[in-house]
Amino acid sequence: MRKMSRRRMLKVTAAAPALNLLVPRIKVAGIGIGFLEFAFEDYQYRTPLKFGGTVVDRVTLLNVNCTVKTVEGKTAKGFGSMPLGNVWSFPSAEMGYETTLNAMKILADEISRITSRYRGYGHPIDINWALEPAYLAAADAVSRKLELKQPIPKLCTLVTASPFDAALHDAFGKLHGVSSYQTYGPELMPNDLSHYLGPDFKGEYLSSYVLPSPKPRMPLYHLVGAVDPILEEDIQTRLNDGLPETLPEWIDYNGLTHIKIKLNGDNLDWDVNRVVRVDRVAAESQKKRGVARWFYSLDFNEKCRNVEYLLEFLRRVREQTPAGFERIQYIEQPTRRDLRTDRANVMHQASKLKPVVIDESLTDLESLRLAKDMGYTGAALKACKGQSQALLMAAAAQKYKLFLCVQDLTCPGASLIHSAGLAAHVGPVAAIEANSRQYVPAANKAWESGFPGIFTIKDGTMETGILKGPGLSVV
């Protein structure tokens, strides 16, 4: 855990030379930032997870504690936590895991300094809105200082900043004694959505796009990673740790009705066969359970070389398992995340078959609009991109009538509670991902007794109705 001296907090850095100029004008009394500290927490995965061509076997959590204050002197504490998903947010063929992780840790220190020095009072969304340019400038400065072969991407900066943003939202809700999702109306927000999203949203507030109370229950999406065993014959050595190890075992253990399948995107035969095999095994298990309806989502993690690959994949899946094809609920980010340099890979044809959502590409309103123009029909919200950004994108996506889902970053503990809360308060989102119970259950242990319906799954659903506590319900 790192605490900052007063001298260090007051020191002006090149990352944000005019920070006080960023303070928003407010009509409603907001919060100022008092005490702020952060710490890292490391866990080994129970079993490796492969996505985007990379195998991951560990996680580092970034935990943030803060105290906020009002001009009258009232205070409240907040907490935020998020995995530093460097493999996902900062992929690199030139730099190793430790290099990109270290860059995120150093950036976290810079973000902590910048946030601590903020002297304005406002709603958490306005504070984040004011500070994000400084966070991005800090990422550029860290990239230069470390002489990184690739600069820290915007997505990576959002992930690193997200627990700081979450801590402020958590504290703001607790200050008012209500759920954070009840603080997004005109009573507590000085700006309507046009301030962030443009004139189409004049007079509208986030409260029109989020639910004040969570949905009572939501289906859980279970992940089948690219190296996960499906049947007993795929296991080289059993873990024998008391948790399931094959897909049928997981289906029975959690009562699953939603399965997410990670695909490689560089081997058409393998990808098609993987879906067909998962569907065959799932069908056998569901028949035994008397379940007639279940769903799949497919995630290529942007590895398809072009949209033609995706179209041929869908054609062959439909041919080999028509029922399995019908069970596909949506497809995530099939091609490269940089849409501006990949304009040829439009999704209009694919989206006629199934919703195609952006995930890695979604970092701001501009990227959402570009994706929509390119034929994407959905967007993946993620708590790891920040509570503020996720809510603004949720509003924009609903306005544009896009399919919405909330995706996981193998979030354990408090970060899973945060992610589940986001999914439960955005009306169109139909299901929740929760991969940590499979890959890093050790990081959930301290939270299980307080949130049994979140961390213990028996009927294929998560009991999100319990997330009614103050703030982000992380208490």
Protein backbone atom coordinates (compact mmCIF):
# COMPACT_ATOMS: atom_id res chain seq x y z
CA MET A 1 0.00 0.00 0.00
CA ARG A 2 1.37 3.38 -0.89
CA LYS A 3 0.55 6.61 0.95
CA MET A 4 1.51 9.99 -0.45
CA SER A 5 3.03 12.85 1.46
CA ARG A 6 1.45 16.30 1.37
CA ARG A 7 4.48 17.61 -0.48
CA ARG A 8 4.15 14.92 -3.12
CA MET A 9 0.43 15.45 -3.56
CA LEU A 10 0.89 19.17 -4.12
CA LYS A 11 3.72 18.79 -6.60
CA VAL A 12 2.57 19.70 -10.10
CA THR A 13 3.46 17.09 -12.68
CA ALA A 14 3.78 17.41 -16.40
CA ALA A 15 0.92 14.99 -16.83
CA ALA A 16 -1.64 17.58 -15.73
CA PRO A 17 -0.17 21.09 -15.75
CA ALA A 18 -3.53 22.89 -15.63
CA LEU A 19 -5.54 20.55 -13.46
CA ASN A 20 -7.50 23.26 -11.65
CA LEU A 21 -8.73 24.54 -15.00
CA LEU A 22 -10.47 21.21 -15.47
CA VAL A 23 -12.80 21.70 -12.48
CA PRO A 24 -16.39 21.57 -13.80
CA ARG A 25 -18.91 24.26 -12.94
CA ILE A 26 -21.55 22.63 -10.76
CA LYS A 27 -25.09 23.51 -9.76
CA VAL A 28 -25.43 20.73 -7.17
CA ALA A 29 -23.08 20.31 -4.22
CA GLY A 30 -20.66 17.50 -4.95
CA ILE A 31 -17.71 15.80 -3.35
CA GLY A 32 -14.07 16.70 -3.02
CA ILE A 33 -11.30 14.16 -2.65
CA GLY A 34 -9.67 13.84 0.73
CA PHE A 35 -7.59 10.77 1.50
CA LEU A 36 -6.61 8.32 -1.25
CA GLU A 37 -4.46 5.22 -1.20
CA PHE A 38 -3.96 2.09 -3.31
CA ALA A 39 -2.44 -1.35 -3.03
CA PHE A 40 -1.77 -4.39 -5.22
CA GLU A 41 -2.91 -7.94 -4.54
CA ASP A 42 -1.62 -11.00 -6.45
CA TYR A 43 -3.21 -14.40 -7.10
CA GLN A 44 -2.30 -17.46 -9.14
CA TYR A 45 -5.00 -18.92 -11.36
CA ARG A 46 -6.44 -22.27 -10.44
CA THR A 47 -6.17 -23.27 -14.08
CA PRO A 48 -4.81 -21.33 -17.09
CA LEU A 49 -7.10 -19.25 -19.30
CA LYS A 50 -6.37 -18.76 -22.99
CA PHE A 51 -7.81 -15.83 -24.91
CA GLY A 52 -6.57 -13.66 -27.73
CA GLY A 53 -3.80 -16.16 -28.47
CA THR A 54 -2.27 -15.82 -24.99
CA VAL A 55 -2.41 -18.07 -21.94
CA VAL A 56 -2.83 -16.29 -18.58
CA ASP A 57 -2.15 -17.96 -15.24
CA ARG A 58 -2.16 -15.07 -12.71
CA VAL A 59 -3.80 -11.81 -11.81
CA THR A 60 -2.84 -8.60 -10.02
CA LEU A 61 -5.66 -6.64 -8.42
CA LEU A 62 -5.50 -2.87 -7.96
CA ASN A 63 -7.42 -1.91 -4.80
CA VAL A 64 -8.25 1.72 -4.03
CA ASN A 65 -9.54 3.28 -0.80
CA CYS A 66 -10.67 6.89 -0.65
CA THR A 67 -12.34 9.38 1.64
CA VAL A 68 -14.49 12.09 0.08
CA LYS A 69 -15.83 15.25 1.65
CA THR A 70 -18.43 17.93 1.06
CA VAL A 71 -17.83 21.65 1.43
CA GLU A 72 -19.78 21.41 4.71
CA GLY A 73 -17.29 18.85 6.01
CA LYS A 74 -19.35 15.67 5.76
CA THR A 75 -17.22 12.65 4.80
CA ALA A 76 -17.64 9.12 3.44
CA LYS A 77 -15.34 6.28 2.48
CA GLY A 78 -15.29 4.40 -0.80
CA PHE A 79 -13.59 1.32 -2.22
CA GLY A 80 -12.83 0.16 -5.74
CA SER A 81 -11.03 -2.88 -7.08
CA MET A 82 -10.17 -4.18 -10.54
CA PRO A 83 -7.80 -6.71 -12.12
CA LEU A 84 -4.91 -5.14 -14.00
CA GLY A 85 -5.76 -7.06 -17.16
CA ASN A 86 -2.60 -6.19 -19.04
CA VAL A 87 -2.81 -9.09 -21.50
CA TRP A 88 -6.25 -7.91 -22.59
CA SER A 89 -5.85 -4.14 -22.37
CA PHE A 90 -2.17 -3.86 -23.38
CA PRO A 91 -1.44 -6.75 -25.76
CA SER A 92 2.07 -6.74 -27.21
CA ALA A 93 4.13 -9.05 -29.36
CA GLU A 94 7.24 -7.06 -28.41
CA MET A 95 6.90 -6.75 -24.64
CA GLY A 96 6.39 -9.46 -22.05
CA TYR A 97 3.83 -9.82 -19.29
CA GLU A 98 5.97 -8.27 -16.57
CA THR A 99 6.83 -5.25 -18.73
CA THR A 100 3.24 -4.30 -19.48
CA LEU A 101 2.13 -5.08 -15.92
CA ASN A 102 4.89 -2.89 -14.52
CA ALA A 103 3.83 -0.05 -16.81
CA MET A 104 0.28 -0.29 -15.44
CA LYS A 105 1.56 -0.26 -11.86
CA ILE A 106 3.59 2.88 -12.48
CA LEU A 107 0.63 4.46 -14.25
CA ALA A 108 -1.54 3.62 -11.21
CA ASP A 109 0.87 5.65 -9.07
CA GLU A 110 0.57 8.60 -11.47
CA ILE A 111 -3.22 8.34 -11.56
CA SER A 112 -3.27 8.31 -7.76
CA ARG A 113 -1.19 11.51 -7.65
CA ILE A 114 -3.38 13.26 -10.21
CA THR A 115 -6.60 12.23 -8.48
CA SER A 116 -5.32 13.24 -5.04
CA ARG A 117 -4.42 16.71 -6.29
CA TYR A 118 -7.87 17.40 -7.70
CA ARG A 119 -9.29 20.39 -5.85
CA GLY A 120 -12.77 20.62 -7.34
CA TYR A 121 -16.09 19.47 -5.93
CA GLY A 122 -18.44 17.56 -8.17
CA HIS A 123 -20.30 14.39 -9.06
CA PRO A 124 -18.00 11.37 -9.61
CA ILE A 125 -18.82 11.35 -13.33
CA ASP A 126 -17.76 15.00 -13.62
CA ILE A 127 -14.58 14.35 -11.68
CA ASN A 128 -13.71 11.46 -13.98
CA TRP A 129 -14.66 13.57 -17.02
CA ALA A 130 -12.29 16.29 -15.83
CA LEU A 131 -9.42 13.96 -14.97
CA GLU A 132 -9.42 11.56 -17.93
CA PRO A 133 -7.32 13.87 -20.17
CA ALA A 134 -4.74 14.07 -17.39
CA TYR A 135 -4.77 10.28 -17.01
CA LEU A 136 -4.13 9.88 -20.75
CA ALA A 137 -1.33 12.44 -20.62
CA ALA A 138 0.19 10.52 -17.71
CA ALA A 139 0.07 7.30 -19.74
CA ASP A 140 2.00 9.00 -22.54
CA ALA A 141 4.55 10.31 -20.03
CA VAL A 142 5.00 6.86 -18.46
CA SER A 143 5.44 5.30 -21.91
CA ARG A 144 8.22 7.77 -22.71
CA LYS A 145 9.87 7.44 -19.32
CA LEU A 146 9.99 3.65 -19.54
CA GLU A 147 10.93 3.77 -23.24
CA LEU A 148 8.22 1.26 -24.01
CA LYS A 149 8.28 -0.29 -27.47
CA GLN A 150 4.54 0.45 -27.67
CA PRO A 151 2.79 3.30 -25.86
CA ILE A 152 0.20 2.51 -23.21
CA PRO A 153 -3.14 2.33 -25.07
CA LYS A 154 -6.21 4.28 -24.03
CA LEU A 155 -8.00 1.05 -23.12
CA CYS A 156 -5.18 0.18 -20.71
CA THR A 157 -5.39 3.64 -19.13
CA LEU A 158 -9.13 3.22 -18.60
CA VAL A 159 -8.56 -0.13 -16.90
CA THR A 160 -5.88 1.31 -14.61
CA ALA A 161 -8.06 4.28 -13.68
CA SER A 162 -11.24 2.26 -13.16
CA PRO A 163 -10.82 1.35 -9.46
CA PHE A 164 -10.17 5.01 -8.62
CA ASP A 165 -13.39 5.96 -10.42
CA ALA A 166 -15.26 3.12 -8.70
CA ALA A 167 -14.07 4.23 -5.27
CA LEU A 168 -15.49 7.72 -5.88
CA HIS A 169 -18.87 6.39 -7.06
CA ASP A 170 -18.96 4.06 -4.06
CA ALA A 171 -18.17 6.88 -1.64
CA PHE A 172 -20.67 9.26 -3.25
CA GLY A 173 -23.51 6.79 -2.85
CA LYS A 174 -22.52 6.06 0.74
CA LEU A 175 -22.34 9.79 1.48
CA HIS A 176 -26.00 10.07 0.50
CA GLY A 177 -26.97 6.73 2.05
CA VAL A 178 -28.23 5.26 -1.22
CA SER A 179 -27.13 2.99 -4.04
CA SER A 180 -24.79 4.70 -6.49
CA TYR A 181 -27.42 3.94 -9.15
CA GLN A 182 -29.80 6.32 -7.36
CA THR A 183 -27.36 9.24 -7.75
CA TYR A 184 -27.60 9.67 -11.52
CA GLY A 185 -30.60 11.98 -11.78
CA PRO A 186 -30.93 15.78 -11.85
CA GLU A 187 -31.15 15.93 -8.04
CA LEU A 188 -27.44 15.09 -7.73
CA MET A 189 -26.00 15.55 -11.23
CA PRO A 190 -25.26 19.14 -12.29
CA ASN A 191 -25.06 18.28 -15.99
CA ASP A 192 -27.46 16.49 -18.27
CA LEU A 193 -26.16 13.91 -20.74
CA SER A 194 -25.66 16.46 -23.51
CA HIS A 195 -22.61 17.66 -21.57
CA TYR A 196 -20.90 14.32 -22.30
CA LEU A 197 -22.76 12.84 -25.27
CA GLY A 198 -23.87 15.78 -27.37
CA PRO A 199 -27.13 17.56 -28.25
CA ASP A 200 -29.07 14.34 -28.93
CA PHE A 201 -29.24 13.93 -25.15
CA LYS A 202 -30.34 17.44 -24.21
CA GLY A 203 -32.43 17.39 -21.05
CA GLU A 204 -31.80 13.69 -20.39
CA TYR A 205 -30.03 12.18 -17.39
CA LEU A 206 -28.46 8.82 -16.70
CA SER A 207 -31.39 7.98 -14.45
CA SER A 208 -33.43 7.43 -17.64
CA TYR A 209 -31.02 4.70 -18.76
CA VAL A 210 -30.20 2.83 -15.54
CA LEU A 211 -32.48 1.09 -13.08
CA PRO A 212 -32.63 2.51 -9.54
CA SER A 213 -32.87 -1.03 -8.16
CA PRO A 214 -31.15 -4.16 -9.48
CA LYS A 215 -32.89 -6.92 -11.37
CA PRO A 216 -33.61 -9.72 -8.84
CA ARG A 217 -31.79 -12.50 -10.70
CA MET A 218 -29.72 -12.78 -13.87
CA PRO A 219 -28.41 -15.79 -15.82
CA LEU A 220 -24.71 -16.51 -15.47
CA TYR A 221 -22.46 -16.94 -18.51
CA HIS A 222 -19.91 -19.72 -17.95
CA LEU A 223 -16.66 -19.53 -19.90
CA VAL A 224 -15.17 -22.34 -21.96
CA GLY A 225 -11.64 -21.09 -22.59
CA ALA A 226 -9.61 -22.17 -25.57
CA VAL A 227 -7.51 -24.60 -23.50
CA ASP A 228 -10.24 -25.70 -21.09
CA PRO A 229 -11.11 -29.41 -21.06
CA ILE A 230 -14.57 -30.23 -22.30
CA LEU A 231 -14.67 -33.93 -21.42
CA GLU A 232 -12.64 -36.21 -19.18
CA GLU A 233 -10.51 -37.31 -22.12
CA ASP A 234 -9.18 -33.74 -22.44
CA ILE A 235 -7.71 -33.70 -18.92
CA GLN A 236 -4.05 -34.60 -18.60
CA THR A 237 -3.92 -34.43 -14.80
CA ARG A 238 -6.94 -33.81 -12.61
CA LEU A 239 -6.74 -30.98 -10.07
CA ASN A 240 -9.01 -32.78 -7.63
CA ASP A 241 -9.65 -29.56 -5.72
CA GLY A 242 -13.36 -30.04 -5.22
CA LEU A 243 -14.44 -27.90 -8.18
CA PRO A 244 -15.68 -29.14 -11.58
CA GLU A 245 -13.15 -29.76 -14.33
CA THR A 246 -15.24 -30.70 -17.37
CA LEU A 247 -18.12 -28.93 -19.06
CA PRO A 248 -20.78 -31.48 -17.99
CA GLU A 249 -19.53 -31.21 -14.42
CA TRP A 250 -19.82 -27.41 -14.50
CA ILE A 251 -23.29 -27.56 -16.08
CA ASP A 252 -24.51 -29.84 -13.28
CA TYR A 253 -22.65 -27.97 -10.53
CA ASN A 254 -24.00 -24.50 -11.41
CA GLY A 255 -27.17 -25.43 -13.34
CA LEU A 256 -25.81 -23.53 -16.35
CA THR A 257 -27.97 -22.24 -19.19
CA HIS A 258 -25.48 -19.73 -20.72
CA ILE A 259 -22.07 -20.72 -22.08
CA LYS A 260 -19.44 -18.42 -23.53
CA ILE A 261 -16.99 -20.05 -25.95
CA LYS A 262 -13.53 -18.59 -26.53
CA LEU A 263 -12.29 -19.16 -30.09
CA ASN A 264 -8.87 -18.74 -31.68
CA GLY A 265 -9.82 -16.92 -34.88
CA ASP A 266 -6.82 -18.25 -36.81
CA ASN A 267 -7.91 -21.83 -37.50
CA LEU A 268 -11.35 -22.17 -39.08
CA ASP A 269 -11.60 -25.94 -38.69
CA TRP A 270 -10.66 -25.74 -34.99
CA ASP A 271 -13.11 -22.92 -34.27
CA VAL A 272 -16.02 -24.65 -36.01
CA ASN A 273 -15.24 -27.99 -34.39
CA ARG A 274 -14.97 -26.34 -30.98
CA VAL A 275 -18.46 -24.89 -31.18
CA VAL A 276 -19.92 -28.10 -32.59
CA ARG A 277 -18.31 -30.16 -29.84
CA VAL A 278 -19.38 -27.82 -27.05
CA ASP A 279 -22.90 -27.86 -28.42
CA ARG A 280 -22.98 -31.66 -28.60
CA VAL A 281 -21.70 -32.07 -25.04
CA ALA A 282 -23.99 -29.34 -23.70
CA ALA A 283 -27.00 -30.89 -25.43
CA GLU A 284 -26.32 -34.25 -23.81
CA SER A 285 -25.98 -32.66 -20.37
CA GLN A 286 -29.04 -30.45 -20.73
CA LYS A 287 -31.14 -33.37 -21.93
CA LYS A 288 -30.28 -35.26 -18.74
CA ARG A 289 -31.31 -32.21 -16.73
CA GLY A 290 -34.54 -31.75 -18.66
CA VAL A 291 -33.47 -28.31 -19.92
CA ALA A 292 -34.70 -27.42 -23.40
CA ARG A 293 -33.37 -23.86 -23.79
CA TRP A 294 -29.85 -22.53 -23.36
CA PHE A 295 -27.55 -20.02 -25.04
CA TYR A 296 -24.02 -19.39 -26.31
CA SER A 297 -21.92 -16.32 -26.83
CA LEU A 298 -18.81 -16.50 -29.01
CA ASP A 299 -15.64 -14.51 -28.43
CA PHE A 300 -12.82 -14.32 -30.97
CA ASN A 301 -10.96 -11.58 -29.04
CA GLU A 302 -10.37 -9.77 -32.36
CA LYS A 303 -8.32 -12.61 -33.88
CA CYS A 304 -10.31 -13.17 -37.10
CA ARG A 305 -8.19 -11.85 -39.97
CA ASN A 306 -11.26 -10.51 -41.78
CA VAL A 307 -15.04 -10.58 -41.80
CA GLU A 308 -15.03 -13.27 -44.50
CA TYR A 309 -13.53 -15.64 -41.91
CA LEU A 310 -16.44 -14.90 -39.58
CA LEU A 311 -19.06 -15.36 -42.30
CA GLU A 312 -17.60 -18.70 -43.37
CA PHE A 313 -17.39 -19.78 -39.74
CA LEU A 314 -21.07 -18.97 -39.20
CA ARG A 315 -22.05 -20.73 -42.43
CA ARG A 316 -20.27 -23.92 -41.39
CA VAL A 317 -21.59 -23.87 -37.82
CA ARG A 318 -25.12 -23.43 -39.13
CA GLU A 319 -24.59 -26.31 -41.54
CA GLN A 320 -23.13 -28.70 -38.96
CA THR A 321 -25.37 -27.84 -36.00
CA PRO A 322 -28.48 -25.84 -36.91
CA ALA A 323 -29.76 -26.01 -33.35
CA GLY A 324 -26.39 -24.88 -32.01
CA PHE A 325 -26.39 -21.95 -34.40
CA GLU A 326 -29.79 -20.85 -33.13
CA ARG A 327 -28.47 -20.90 -29.57
CA ILE A 328 -25.84 -18.25 -30.36
CA GLN A 329 -26.99 -15.08 -28.60
CA TYR A 330 -24.20 -12.78 -29.81
CA ILE A 331 -20.63 -12.58 -31.09
CA GLU A 332 -17.88 -10.44 -29.53
CA GLN A 333 -15.23 -8.39 -31.33
CA PRO A 334 -14.31 -10.77 -34.17
CA THR A 335 -11.70 -8.56 -35.90
CA ARG A 336 -9.05 -6.04 -34.89
CA ARG A 337 -9.83 -3.47 -32.21
CA ASP A 338 -8.46 -0.49 -34.13
CA LEU A 339 -11.54 0.22 -36.23
CA ARG A 340 -10.05 3.29 -37.88
CA THR A 341 -7.33 1.25 -39.56
CA ASP A 342 -9.62 -1.71 -40.20
CA ARG A 343 -12.48 0.02 -42.00
CA ALA A 344 -12.71 -2.71 -44.66
CA ASN A 345 -13.98 -5.25 -42.13
CA VAL A 346 -17.56 -4.05 -41.82
CA MET A 347 -20.07 -6.25 -40.03
CA HIS A 348 -23.31 -5.52 -41.88
CA GLN A 349 -23.67 -9.03 -43.33
CA ALA A 350 -22.62 -10.82 -40.14
CA SER A 351 -24.93 -8.68 -38.01
CA LYS A 352 -27.88 -9.83 -40.08
CA LEU A 353 -27.20 -13.31 -38.73
CA LYS A 354 -26.33 -12.53 -35.10
CA PRO A 355 -25.64 -9.42 -33.01
CA VAL A 356 -21.96 -8.48 -33.32
CA VAL A 357 -20.69 -6.38 -30.43
CA ILE A 358 -17.59 -4.28 -29.91
CA ASP A 359 -15.56 -4.89 -26.79
CA GLU A 360 -11.88 -3.96 -27.04
CA SER A 361 -12.79 -1.21 -29.53
CA LEU A 362 -15.14 0.63 -27.17
CA THR A 363 -13.23 3.40 -25.39
CA ASP A 364 -15.42 6.46 -26.02
CA LEU A 365 -18.48 7.79 -27.82
CA GLU A 366 -16.56 8.26 -31.08
CA SER A 367 -15.61 4.57 -31.19
CA LEU A 368 -19.20 3.56 -30.46
CA ARG A 369 -20.51 5.66 -33.33
CA LEU A 370 -17.81 4.40 -35.68
CA ALA A 371 -18.65 0.79 -34.81
CA LYS A 372 -22.32 1.44 -35.47
CA ASP A 373 -21.46 2.90 -38.88
CA MET A 374 -19.38 -0.22 -39.62
CA GLY A 375 -22.29 -2.55 -39.01
CA TYR A 376 -21.75 -3.55 -35.39
CA THR A 377 -25.11 -3.93 -33.69
CA GLY A 378 -24.05 -4.22 -30.06
CA ALA A 379 -21.65 -3.04 -27.40
CA ALA A 380 -20.01 -4.76 -24.45
CA LEU A 381 -19.96 -2.73 -21.27
CA LYS A 382 -17.22 -3.41 -18.74
CA ALA A 383 -16.72 -2.16 -15.22
CA CYS A 384 -12.98 -2.29 -15.91
CA LYS A 385 -13.33 0.63 -18.31
CA GLY A 386 -14.69 2.71 -15.44
CA GLN A 387 -18.11 3.11 -13.90
CA SER A 388 -18.43 6.59 -15.42
CA GLN A 389 -17.58 5.50 -18.95
CA ALA A 390 -19.66 2.32 -18.76
CA LEU A 391 -22.76 4.26 -17.75
CA LEU A 392 -22.33 6.91 -20.44
CA MET A 393 -21.84 4.22 -23.09
CA ALA A 394 -24.86 2.34 -21.73
CA ALA A 395 -26.97 5.45 -22.27
CA ALA A 396 -25.62 6.07 -25.78
CA ALA A 397 -26.01 2.44 -26.82
CA GLN A 398 -29.63 2.38 -25.66
CA LYS A 399 -30.33 5.63 -27.49
CA TYR A 400 -28.91 4.07 -30.66
CA LYS A 401 -30.89 0.85 -30.06
CA LEU A 402 -27.82 -1.40 -29.84
CA PHE A 403 -27.68 -4.85 -28.25
CA LEU A 404 -26.00 -4.61 -24.84
CA CYS A 405 -24.05 -7.06 -22.72
CA VAL A 406 -21.74 -6.70 -19.72
CA GLN A 407 -18.47 -8.57 -20.00
CA ASP A 408 -16.07 -9.82 -17.37
CA LEU A 409 -12.32 -9.35 -16.96
CA THR A 410 -12.17 -12.48 -14.78
CA CYS A 411 -13.16 -10.11 -11.97
CA PRO A 412 -12.95 -11.55 -8.44
CA GLY A 413 -14.18 -10.23 -5.14
CA ALA A 414 -15.24 -6.58 -5.06
CA SER A 415 -14.68 -6.20 -8.81
CA LEU A 416 -17.20 -8.97 -9.51
CA ILE A 417 -19.75 -7.31 -7.21
CA HIS A 418 -19.16 -4.07 -9.13
CA SER A 419 -19.51 -5.80 -12.53
CA ALA A 420 -22.64 -7.69 -11.45
CA GLY A 421 -24.16 -4.47 -10.17
CA LEU A 422 -23.54 -2.79 -13.51
CA ALA A 423 -25.23 -5.63 -15.39
CA ALA A 424 -28.15 -5.71 -12.96
CA HIS A 425 -28.86 -1.98 -13.29
CA VAL A 426 -28.71 -1.68 -17.09
CA GLY A 427 -32.11 -2.87 -18.26
CA PRO A 428 -31.32 -4.47 -21.66
CA VAL A 429 -28.42 -6.58 -20.32
CA ALA A 430 -29.69 -10.15 -20.11
CA ALA A 431 -26.88 -12.08 -18.41
CA ILE A 432 -23.71 -11.80 -16.32
CA GLU A 433 -20.21 -13.17 -16.81
CA ALA A 434 -18.31 -14.37 -13.74
CA ASN A 435 -15.14 -16.20 -14.69
CA SER A 436 -13.30 -15.85 -11.38
CA ARG A 437 -15.20 -18.76 -9.81
CA GLN A 438 -13.50 -20.96 -12.44
CA TYR A 439 -10.01 -19.49 -12.67
CA VAL A 440 -9.22 -17.66 -9.43
CA PRO A 441 -11.69 -18.80 -6.73
CA ALA A 442 -9.11 -18.07 -4.02
CA ALA A 443 -9.65 -14.35 -4.60
CA ASN A 444 -13.38 -14.77 -3.89
CA LYS A 445 -13.05 -16.52 -0.53
CA ALA A 446 -13.19 -13.40 1.64
CA TRP A 447 -16.37 -12.23 -0.09
CA GLU A 448 -18.40 -15.44 -0.30
CA SER A 449 -20.08 -15.32 3.10
CA GLY A 450 -21.26 -11.74 2.67
CA PHE A 451 -22.57 -12.22 -0.88
CA PRO A 452 -23.63 -15.88 -1.19
CA GLY A 453 -25.95 -15.26 -4.13
CA ILE A 454 -23.14 -13.66 -6.11
CA PHE A 455 -20.38 -16.18 -5.49
CA THR A 456 -22.42 -19.39 -5.08
CA ILE A 457 -24.37 -20.39 -8.19
CA LYS A 458 -26.79 -23.31 -8.11
CA ASP A 459 -29.57 -22.66 -10.64
CA GLY A 460 -27.60 -20.98 -13.41
CA THR A 461 -28.43 -17.51 -12.12
CA MET A 462 -26.83 -14.88 -9.93
CA GLU A 463 -28.88 -13.36 -7.11
CA THR A 464 -28.34 -9.73 -8.09
CA GLY A 465 -31.28 -8.50 -6.03
CA ILE A 466 -29.03 -8.43 -2.98
CA LEU A 467 -26.97 -5.59 -4.48
CA LYS A 468 -29.06 -2.86 -2.86
CA GLY A 469 -26.52 -1.59 -0.37
CA PRO A 470 -25.18 1.96 -0.30
CA GLY A 471 -22.66 2.95 -2.94
CA LEU A 472 -21.70 0.08 -5.22
CA SER A 473 -22.84 -2.43 -2.56
CA VAL A 474 -19.23 -3.33 -1.79
CA VAL A 475 -19.47 -3.27 2.01
